[in-house]
Amino acid sequence: MTHNGSAMTHNGSAMTQEDSTMTQEDSTMTHYGSTMTHYGSTMTHYGSTMTHYGSTLTQEGSTMTLHSALLSSLNAIYVQTPVISRLLVI
């Protein structure tokens, strides 16, 4: 009976160790899931920042195109204006 009791104690100890391992695995998986969620959130934020940056660059490009068009118009007006008028304006 003592041998049987000892075997039962050993068995119980092994079960406790297995439970502990399972709990640790669950905890690791929870931590991993939380890390992945944080990573996904960071990637979403990064994507949103990149979209905003792209939008800003597009806006800057539009502004530069507008400036270029205005300068071309002013240049065309200047070229078409007679020299005497230009001297009078200056």
PDB file of N, CA and C in Angstrom:
ATOM      1  N   MET A   1       0.840  -1.204   0.000  1.00  0.00           N
ATOM      2  CA  MET A   1       0.000   0.000   0.000  1.00  0.00           C
ATOM      3  C   MET A   1       0.875   1.253   0.000  1.00  0.00           C
ATOM      4  N   THR A   2       2.010   1.152   0.736  1.00  0.00           N
ATOM      5  CA  THR A   2       2.902   2.321   0.774  1.00  0.00           C
ATOM      6  C   THR A   2       3.422   2.617  -0.626  1.00  0.00           C
ATOM      7  N   HIS A   3       3.767   1.535  -1.351  1.00  0.00           N
ATOM      8  CA  HIS A   3       4.243   1.704  -2.723  1.00  0.00           C
ATOM      9  C   HIS A   3       3.151   2.326  -3.584  1.00  0.00           C
ATOM     10  N   ASN A   4       1.931   1.856  -3.387  1.00  0.00           N
ATOM     11  CA  ASN A   4       0.779   2.378  -4.133  1.00  0.00           C
ATOM     12  C   ASN A   4       0.566   3.860  -3.805  1.00  0.00           C
ATOM     13  N   GLY A   5       0.650   4.198  -2.529  1.00  0.00           N
ATOM     14  CA  GLY A   5       0.488   5.594  -2.097  1.00  0.00           C
ATOM     15  C   GLY A   5       1.586   6.475  -2.678  1.00  0.00           C
ATOM     16  N   SER A   6       2.808   5.945  -2.694  1.00  0.00           N
ATOM     17  CA  SER A   6       3.940   6.686  -3.245  1.00  0.00           C
ATOM     18  C   SER A   6       3.739   6.931  -4.744  1.00  0.00           C
ATOM     19  N   ALA A   7       3.255   5.898  -5.437  1.00  0.00           N
ATOM     20  CA  ALA A   7       2.990   6.009  -6.867  1.00  0.00           C
ATOM     21  C   ALA A   7       1.903   7.066  -7.119  1.00  0.00           C
ATOM     22  N   MET A   8       0.885   7.083  -6.245  1.00  0.00           N
ATOM     23  CA  MET A   8      -0.203   8.056  -6.377  1.00  0.00           C
ATOM     24  C   MET A   8       0.330   9.478  -6.156  1.00  0.00           C
ATOM     25  N   THR A   9       1.193   9.650  -5.169  1.00  0.00           N
ATOM     26  CA  THR A   9       1.789  10.964  -4.884  1.00  0.00           C
ATOM     27  C   THR A   9       2.619  11.432  -6.083  1.00  0.00           C
ATOM     28  N   HIS A  10       3.397  10.491  -6.626  1.00  0.00           N
ATOM     29  CA  HIS A  10       4.221  10.809  -7.801  1.00  0.00           C
ATOM     30  C   HIS A  10       3.334  11.219  -8.975  1.00  0.00           C
ATOM     31  N   ASN A  11       2.255  10.463  -9.153  1.00  0.00           N
ATOM     32  CA  ASN A  11       1.287  10.743 -10.223  1.00  0.00           C
ATOM     33  C   ASN A  11       0.664  12.129 -10.029  1.00  0.00           C
ATOM     34  N   GLY A  12       0.281  12.433  -8.788  1.00  0.00           N
ATOM     35  CA  GLY A  12      -0.313  13.740  -8.474  1.00  0.00           C
ATOM     36  C   GLY A  12       0.682  14.861  -8.735  1.00  0.00           C
ATOM     37  N   SER A  13       1.934  14.625  -8.381  1.00  0.00           N
ATOM     38  CA  SER A  13       2.983  15.619  -8.607  1.00  0.00           C
ATOM     39  C   SER A  13       3.174  15.865 -10.109  1.00  0.00           C
ATOM     40  N   ALA A  14       3.185  14.781 -10.882  1.00  0.00           N
ATOM     41  CA  ALA A  14       3.327  14.899 -12.340  1.00  0.00           C
ATOM     42  C   ALA A  14       2.160  15.688 -12.924  1.00  0.00           C
ATOM     43  N   MET A  15       0.948  15.457 -12.418  1.00  0.00           N
ATOM     44  CA  MET A  15      -0.248  16.165 -12.893  1.00  0.00           C
ATOM     45  C   MET A  15      -0.133  17.656 -12.553  1.00  0.00           C
ATOM     46  N   THR A  16       0.339  17.949 -11.350  1.00  0.00           N
ATOM     47  CA  THR A  16       0.505  19.350 -10.932  1.00  0.00           C
ATOM     48  C   THR A  16       1.516  20.045 -11.839  1.00  0.00           C
ATOM     49  N   GLN A  17       2.602  19.357 -12.141  1.00  0.00           N
ATOM     50  CA  GLN A  17       3.632  19.923 -13.021  1.00  0.00           C
ATOM     51  C   GLN A  17       3.055  20.158 -14.417  1.00  0.00           C
ATOM     52  N   GLU A  18       2.243  19.216 -14.909  1.00  0.00           N
ATOM     53  CA  GLU A  18       1.616  19.352 -16.222  1.00  0.00           C
ATOM     54  C   GLU A  18       0.656  20.550 -16.230  1.00  0.00           C
ATOM     55  N   ASP A  19      -0.123  20.699 -15.152  1.00  0.00           N
ATOM     56  CA  ASP A  19      -1.027  21.858 -15.035  1.00  0.00           C
ATOM     57  C   ASP A  19      -0.234  23.155 -15.065  1.00  0.00           C
ATOM     58  N   SER A  20       0.875  23.168 -14.337  1.00  0.00           N
ATOM     59  CA  SER A  20       1.725  24.351 -14.270  1.00  0.00           C
ATOM     60  C   SER A  20       2.271  24.690 -15.662  1.00  0.00           C
ATOM     61  N   THR A  21       2.713  23.661 -16.392  1.00  0.00           N
ATOM     62  CA  THR A  21       3.235  23.853 -17.754  1.00  0.00           C
ATOM     63  C   THR A  21       2.144  24.401 -18.669  1.00  0.00           C
ATOM     64  N   MET A  22       0.927  23.840 -18.543  1.00  0.00           N
ATOM     65  CA  MET A  22      -0.201  24.288 -19.365  1.00  0.00           C
ATOM     66  C   MET A  22      -0.531  25.751 -19.046  1.00  0.00           C
ATOM     67  N   THR A  23      -0.517  26.103 -17.764  1.00  0.00           N
ATOM     68  CA  THR A  23      -0.796  27.485 -17.357  1.00  0.00           C
ATOM     69  C   THR A  23       0.254  28.421 -17.945  1.00  0.00           C
ATOM     70  N   GLN A  24       1.513  28.000 -17.881  1.00  0.00           N
ATOM     71  CA  GLN A  24       2.599  28.812 -18.439  1.00  0.00           C
ATOM     72  C   GLN A  24       2.436  28.968 -19.949  1.00  0.00           C
ATOM     73  N   GLU A  25       2.047  27.884 -20.634  1.00  0.00           N
ATOM     74  CA  GLU A  25       1.811  27.931 -22.086  1.00  0.00           C
ATOM     75  C   GLU A  25       0.671  28.892 -22.401  1.00  0.00           C
ATOM     76  N   ASP A  26      -0.424  28.801 -21.638  1.00  0.00           N
ATOM     77  CA  ASP A  26      -1.561  29.716 -21.830  1.00  0.00           C
ATOM     78  C   ASP A  26      -1.115  31.165 -21.664  1.00  0.00           C
ATOM     79  N   SER A  27      -0.327  31.405 -20.612  1.00  0.00           N
ATOM     80  CA  SER A  27       0.165  32.755 -20.330  1.00  0.00           C
ATOM     81  C   SER A  27       1.039  33.260 -21.478  1.00  0.00           C
ATOM     82  N   THR A  28       1.910  32.374 -22.004  1.00  0.00           N
ATOM     83  CA  THR A  28       2.777  32.738 -23.126  1.00  0.00           C
ATOM     84  C   THR A  28       1.947  33.063 -24.356  1.00  0.00           C
ATOM     85  N   MET A  29       0.924  32.243 -24.629  1.00  0.00           N
ATOM     86  CA  MET A  29       0.058  32.473 -25.793  1.00  0.00           C
ATOM     87  C   MET A  29      -0.710  33.784 -25.637  1.00  0.00           C
ATOM     88  N   THR A  30      -1.178  34.074 -24.435  1.00  0.00           N
ATOM     89  CA  THR A  30      -1.895  35.327 -24.183  1.00  0.00           C
ATOM     90  C   THR A  30      -0.962  36.507 -24.433  1.00  0.00           C
ATOM     91  N   HIS A  31       0.270  36.398 -23.920  1.00  0.00           N
ATOM     92  CA  HIS A  31       1.267  37.458 -24.121  1.00  0.00           C
ATOM     93  C   HIS A  31       1.561  37.629 -25.612  1.00  0.00           C
ATOM     94  N   TYR A  32       1.705  36.507 -26.323  1.00  0.00           N
ATOM     95  CA  TYR A  32       1.978  36.532 -27.763  1.00  0.00           C
ATOM     96  C   TYR A  32       0.825  37.207 -28.501  1.00  0.00           C
ATOM     97  N   GLY A  33      -0.415  36.826 -28.138  1.00  0.00           N
ATOM     98  CA  GLY A  33      -1.597  37.439 -28.769  1.00  0.00           C
ATOM     99  C   GLY A  33      -1.636  38.935 -28.521  1.00  0.00           C
ATOM    100  N   SER A  34      -1.321  39.323 -27.298  1.00  0.00           N
ATOM    101  CA  SER A  34      -1.306  40.741 -26.940  1.00  0.00           C
ATOM    102  C   SER A  34      -0.227  41.483 -27.722  1.00  0.00           C
ATOM    103  N   THR A  35       0.946  40.833 -27.873  1.00  0.00           N
ATOM    104  CA  THR A  35       2.038  41.437 -28.644  1.00  0.00           C
ATOM    105  C   THR A  35       1.619  41.595 -30.107  1.00  0.00           C
ATOM    106  N   MET A  36       0.970  40.586 -30.667  1.00  0.00           N
ATOM    107  CA  MET A  36       0.518  40.643 -32.057  1.00  0.00           C
ATOM    108  C   MET A  36      -0.524  41.748 -32.245  1.00  0.00           C
ATOM    109  N   THR A  37      -1.421  41.895 -31.282  1.00  0.00           N
ATOM    110  CA  THR A  37      -2.436  42.949 -31.355  1.00  0.00           C
ATOM    111  C   THR A  37      -1.766  44.312 -31.343  1.00  0.00           C
ATOM    112  N   HIS A  38      -0.782  44.474 -30.451  1.00  0.00           N
ATOM    113  CA  HIS A  38      -0.041  45.741 -30.370  1.00  0.00           C
ATOM    114  C   HIS A  38       0.697  46.002 -31.676  1.00  0.00           C
ATOM    115  N   TYR A  39       1.310  44.965 -32.232  1.00  0.00           N
ATOM    116  CA  TYR A  39       2.043  45.085 -33.501  1.00  0.00           C
ATOM    117  C   TYR A  39       1.087  45.486 -34.629  1.00  0.00           C
ATOM    118  N   GLY A  40      -0.083  44.824 -34.672  1.00  0.00           N
ATOM    119  CA  GLY A  40      -1.088  45.162 -35.692  1.00  0.00           C
ATOM    120  C   GLY A  40      -1.533  46.609 -35.562  1.00  0.00           C
ATOM    121  N   SER A  41      -1.738  47.033 -34.334  1.00  0.00           N
ATOM    122  CA  SER A  41      -2.147  48.414 -34.075  1.00  0.00           C
ATOM    123  C   SER A  41      -1.065  49.391 -34.514  1.00  0.00           C
ATOM    124  N   THR A  42       0.199  49.035 -34.241  1.00  0.00           N
ATOM    125  CA  THR A  42       1.322  49.883 -34.655  1.00  0.00           C
ATOM    126  C   THR A  42       1.389  49.962 -36.176  1.00  0.00           C
ATOM    127  N   MET A  43       1.186  48.822 -36.840  1.00  0.00           N
ATOM    128  CA  MET A  43       1.225  48.800 -38.307  1.00  0.00           C
ATOM    129  C   MET A  43       0.086  49.654 -38.887  1.00  0.00           C
ATOM    130  N   THR A  44      -1.090  49.571 -38.283  1.00  0.00           N
ATOM    131  CA  THR A  44      -2.223  50.375 -38.743  1.00  0.00           C
ATOM    132  C   THR A  44      -1.902  51.857 -38.601  1.00  0.00           C
ATOM    133  N   HIS A  45      -1.327  52.222 -37.454  1.00  0.00           N
ATOM    134  CA  HIS A  45      -0.949  53.623 -37.213  1.00  0.00           C
ATOM    135  C   HIS A  45       0.097  54.065 -38.236  1.00  0.00           C
ATOM    136  N   TYR A  46       1.076  53.184 -38.510  1.00  0.00           N
ATOM    137  CA  TYR A  46       2.132  53.490 -39.475  1.00  0.00           C
ATOM    138  C   TYR A  46       1.527  53.685 -40.870  1.00  0.00           C
ATOM    139  N   GLY A  47       0.604  52.779 -41.240  1.00  0.00           N
ATOM    140  CA  GLY A  47      -0.063  52.894 -42.549  1.00  0.00           C
ATOM    141  C   GLY A  47      -0.836  54.197 -42.666  1.00  0.00           C
ATOM    142  N   SER A  48      -1.504  54.550 -41.586  1.00  0.00           N
ATOM    143  CA  SER A  48      -2.281  55.791 -41.581  1.00  0.00           C
ATOM    144  C   SER A  48      -1.359  57.005 -41.696  1.00  0.00           C
ATOM    145  N   THR A  49      -0.192  56.943 -41.022  1.00  0.00           N
ATOM    146  CA  THR A  49       0.793  58.031 -41.113  1.00  0.00           C
ATOM    147  C   THR A  49       1.323  58.142 -42.539  1.00  0.00           C
ATOM    148  N   MET A  50       1.608  56.988 -43.152  1.00  0.00           N
ATOM    149  CA  MET A  50       2.110  56.990 -44.531  1.00  0.00           C
ATOM    150  C   MET A  50       1.063  57.567 -45.492  1.00  0.00           C
ATOM    151  N   THR A  51      -0.204  57.225 -45.281  1.00  0.00           N
ATOM    152  CA  THR A  51      -1.283  57.755 -46.121  1.00  0.00           C
ATOM    153  C   THR A  51      -1.346  59.269 -45.984  1.00  0.00           C
ATOM    154  N   HIS A  52      -1.247  59.748 -44.730  1.00  0.00           N
ATOM    155  CA  HIS A  52      -1.270  61.188 -44.475  1.00  0.00           C
ATOM    156  C   HIS A  52      -0.080  61.866 -45.148  1.00  0.00           C
ATOM    157  N   TYR A  53       1.085  61.231 -45.054  1.00  0.00           N
ATOM    158  CA  TYR A  53       2.300  61.771 -45.666  1.00  0.00           C
ATOM    159  C   TYR A  53       2.147  61.838 -47.185  1.00  0.00           C
ATOM    160  N   GLY A  54       1.608  60.751 -47.766  1.00  0.00           N
ATOM    161  CA  GLY A  54       1.376  60.721 -49.223  1.00  0.00           C
ATOM    162  C   GLY A  54       0.408  61.816 -49.641  1.00  0.00           C
ATOM    163  N   SER A  55      -0.628  62.005 -48.841  1.00  0.00           N
ATOM    164  CA  SER A  55      -1.617  63.042 -49.126  1.00  0.00           C
ATOM    165  C   SER A  55      -0.975  64.426 -49.070  1.00  0.00           C
ATOM    166  N   THR A  56      -0.082  64.643 -48.085  1.00  0.00           N
ATOM    167  CA  THR A  56       0.627  65.922 -47.960  1.00  0.00           C
ATOM    168  C   THR A  56       1.515  66.151 -49.178  1.00  0.00           C
ATOM    169  N   LEU A  57       2.213  65.100 -49.619  1.00  0.00           N
ATOM    170  CA  LEU A  57       3.078  65.235 -50.794  1.00  0.00           C
ATOM    171  C   LEU A  57       2.252  65.538 -52.047  1.00  0.00           C
ATOM    172  N   THR A  58       1.094  64.917 -52.177  1.00  0.00           N
ATOM    173  CA  THR A  58       0.216  65.177 -53.318  1.00  0.00           C
ATOM    174  C   THR A  58      -0.225  66.636 -53.302  1.00  0.00           C
ATOM    175  N   GLN A  59      -0.589  67.107 -52.110  1.00  0.00           N
ATOM    176  CA  GLN A  59      -1.014  68.496 -51.963  1.00  0.00           C
ATOM    177  C   GLN A  59       0.136  69.439 -52.327  1.00  0.00           C
ATOM    178  N   GLU A  60       1.355  69.116 -51.865  1.00  0.00           N
ATOM    179  CA  GLU A  60       2.516  69.942 -52.202  1.00  0.00           C
ATOM    180  C   GLU A  60       2.750  69.954 -53.706  1.00  0.00           C
ATOM    181  N   GLY A  61       2.584  68.779 -54.330  1.00  0.00           N
ATOM    182  CA  GLY A  61       2.749  68.682 -55.787  1.00  0.00           C
ATOM    183  C   GLY A  61       1.734  69.554 -56.503  1.00  0.00           C
ATOM    184  N   SER A  62       0.494  69.550 -56.027  1.00  0.00           N
ATOM    185  CA  SER A  62      -0.550  70.389 -56.626  1.00  0.00           C
ATOM    186  C   SER A  62      -0.210  71.858 -56.482  1.00  0.00           C
ATOM    187  N   THR A  63       0.285  72.241 -55.310  1.00  0.00           N
ATOM    188  CA  THR A  63       0.657  73.633 -55.061  1.00  0.00           C
ATOM    189  C   THR A  63       1.796  74.041 -55.988  1.00  0.00           C
ATOM    190  N   MET A  64       2.788  73.147 -56.150  1.00  0.00           N
ATOM    191  CA  MET A  64       3.916  73.455 -57.038  1.00  0.00           C
ATOM    192  C   MET A  64       3.429  73.595 -58.485  1.00  0.00           C
ATOM    193  N   THR A  65       2.500  72.746 -58.906  1.00  0.00           N
ATOM    194  CA  THR A  65       1.951  72.825 -60.265  1.00  0.00           C
ATOM    195  C   THR A  65       1.239  74.162 -60.456  1.00  0.00           C
ATOM    196  N   LEU A  66       0.473  74.564 -59.431  1.00  0.00           N
ATOM    197  CA  LEU A  66      -0.243  75.841 -59.481  1.00  0.00           C
ATOM    198  C   LEU A  66       0.748  77.003 -59.568  1.00  0.00           C
ATOM    199  N   HIS A  67       1.801  76.974 -58.740  1.00  0.00           N
ATOM    200  CA  HIS A  67       2.829  78.029 -58.781  1.00  0.00           C
ATOM    201  C   HIS A  67       3.476  78.088 -60.155  1.00  0.00           C
ATOM    202  N   SER A  68       3.789  76.910 -60.686  1.00  0.00           N
ATOM    203  CA  SER A  68       4.424  76.838 -61.993  1.00  0.00           C
ATOM    204  C   SER A  68       3.515  77.446 -63.058  1.00  0.00           C
ATOM    205  N   ALA A  69       2.227  77.127 -62.989  1.00  0.00           N
ATOM    206  CA  ALA A  69       1.263  77.669 -63.959  1.00  0.00           C
ATOM    207  C   ALA A  69       1.171  79.187 -63.826  1.00  0.00           C
ATOM    208  N   LEU A  70       1.160  79.692 -62.585  1.00  0.00           N
ATOM    209  CA  LEU A  70       1.095  81.139 -62.372  1.00  0.00           C
ATOM    210  C   LEU A  70       2.343  81.828 -62.924  1.00  0.00           C
ATOM    211  N   LEU A  71       3.507  81.241 -62.668  1.00  0.00           N
ATOM    212  CA  LEU A  71       4.745  81.822 -63.186  1.00  0.00           C
ATOM    213  C   LEU A  71       4.764  81.817 -64.712  1.00  0.00           C
ATOM    214  N   SER A  72       4.267  80.738 -65.316  1.00  0.00           N
ATOM    215  CA  SER A  72       4.206  80.672 -66.780  1.00  0.00           C
ATOM    216  C   SER A  72       3.293  81.762 -67.316  1.00  0.00           C
ATOM    217  N   SER A  73       2.152  81.957 -66.646  1.00  0.00           N
ATOM    218  CA  SER A  73       1.206  82.998 -67.079  1.00  0.00           C
ATOM    219  C   SER A  73       1.840  84.380 -66.972  1.00  0.00           C
ATOM    220  N   LEU A  74       2.495  84.641 -65.826  1.00  0.00           N
ATOM    221  CA  LEU A  74       3.149  85.945 -65.631  1.00  0.00           C
ATOM    222  C   LEU A  74       4.250  86.151 -66.660  1.00  0.00           C
ATOM    223  N   ASN A  75       5.007  85.104 -66.937  1.00  0.00           N
ATOM    224  CA  ASN A  75       6.072  85.186 -67.926  1.00  0.00           C
ATOM    225  C   ASN A  75       5.491  85.488 -69.308  1.00  0.00           C
ATOM    226  N   ALA A  76       4.384  84.803 -69.656  1.00  0.00           N
ATOM    227  CA  ALA A  76       3.748  85.033 -70.959  1.00  0.00           C
ATOM    228  C   ALA A  76       3.260  86.473 -71.062  1.00  0.00           C
ATOM    229  N   ILE A  77       2.673  86.999 -69.987  1.00  0.00           N
ATOM    230  CA  ILE A  77       2.196  88.395 -69.985  1.00  0.00           C
ATOM    231  C   ILE A  77       3.386  89.337 -70.140  1.00  0.00           C
ATOM    232  N   TYR A  78       4.461  89.052 -69.422  1.00  0.00           N
ATOM    233  CA  TYR A  78       5.660  89.898 -69.458  1.00  0.00           C
ATOM    234  C   TYR A  78       6.261  89.921 -70.865  1.00  0.00           C
ATOM    235  N   VAL A  79       6.348  88.738 -71.495  1.00  0.00           N
ATOM    236  CA  VAL A  79       6.935  88.641 -72.840  1.00  0.00           C
ATOM    237  C   VAL A  79       6.074  89.395 -73.848  1.00  0.00           C
ATOM    238  N   GLN A  80       4.739  89.344 -73.681  1.00  0.00           N
ATOM    239  CA  GLN A  80       3.828  89.977 -74.634  1.00  0.00           C
ATOM    240  C   GLN A  80       3.716  91.486 -74.413  1.00  0.00           C
ATOM    241  N   THR A  81       4.146  91.977 -73.266  1.00  0.00           N
ATOM    242  CA  THR A  81       4.056  93.406 -72.964  1.00  0.00           C
ATOM    243  C   THR A  81       5.167  94.140 -73.715  1.00  0.00           C
ATOM    244  N   PRO A  82       4.836  95.216 -74.407  1.00  0.00           N
ATOM    245  CA  PRO A  82       5.882  95.980 -75.125  1.00  0.00           C
ATOM    246  C   PRO A  82       6.949  96.487 -74.158  1.00  0.00           C
ATOM    247  N   VAL A  83       8.175  96.646 -74.668  1.00  0.00           N
ATOM    248  CA  VAL A  83       9.318  97.049 -73.857  1.00  0.00           C
ATOM    249  C   VAL A  83       9.076  98.400 -73.195  1.00  0.00           C
ATOM    250  N   ILE A  84       8.478  99.335 -73.890  1.00  0.00           N
ATOM    251  CA  ILE A  84       8.242 100.684 -73.350  1.00  0.00           C
ATOM    252  C   ILE A  84       7.316 100.604 -72.138  1.00  0.00           C
ATOM    253  N   SER A  85       6.268  99.787 -72.217  1.00  0.00           N
ATOM    254  CA  SER A  85       5.358  99.628 -71.077  1.00  0.00           C
ATOM    255  C   SER A  85       6.098  99.053 -69.886  1.00  0.00           C
ATOM    256  N   ARG A  86       6.982  98.097 -70.144  1.00  0.00           N
ATOM    257  CA  ARG A  86       7.745  97.488 -69.055  1.00  0.00           C
ATOM    258  C   ARG A  86       8.654  98.527 -68.405  1.00  0.00           C
ATOM    259  N   LEU A  87       9.253  99.380 -69.168  1.00  0.00           N
ATOM    260  CA  LEU A  87      10.125 100.417 -68.618  1.00  0.00           C
ATOM    261  C   LEU A  87       9.331 101.408 -67.780  1.00  0.00           C
ATOM    262  N   LEU A  88       8.124 101.724 -68.213  1.00  0.00           N
ATOM    263  CA  LEU A  88       7.272 102.662 -67.476  1.00  0.00           C
ATOM    264  C   LEU A  88       6.839 102.068 -66.135  1.00  0.00           C
ATOM    265  N   VAL A  89       6.556 100.753 -66.149  1.00  0.00           N
ATOM    266  CA  VAL A  89       6.117 100.088 -64.915  1.00  0.00           C
ATOM    267  C   VAL A  89       7.263 100.079 -63.910  1.00  0.00           C
ATOM    268  N   ILE A  90       8.469  99.856 -64.409  1.00  0.00           N
ATOM    269  CA  ILE A  90       9.636  99.800 -63.511  1.00  0.00           C
ATOM    270  C   ILE A  90       9.911 101.197 -63.026  1.00  0.00           C
TER     271      ILE A  90
END
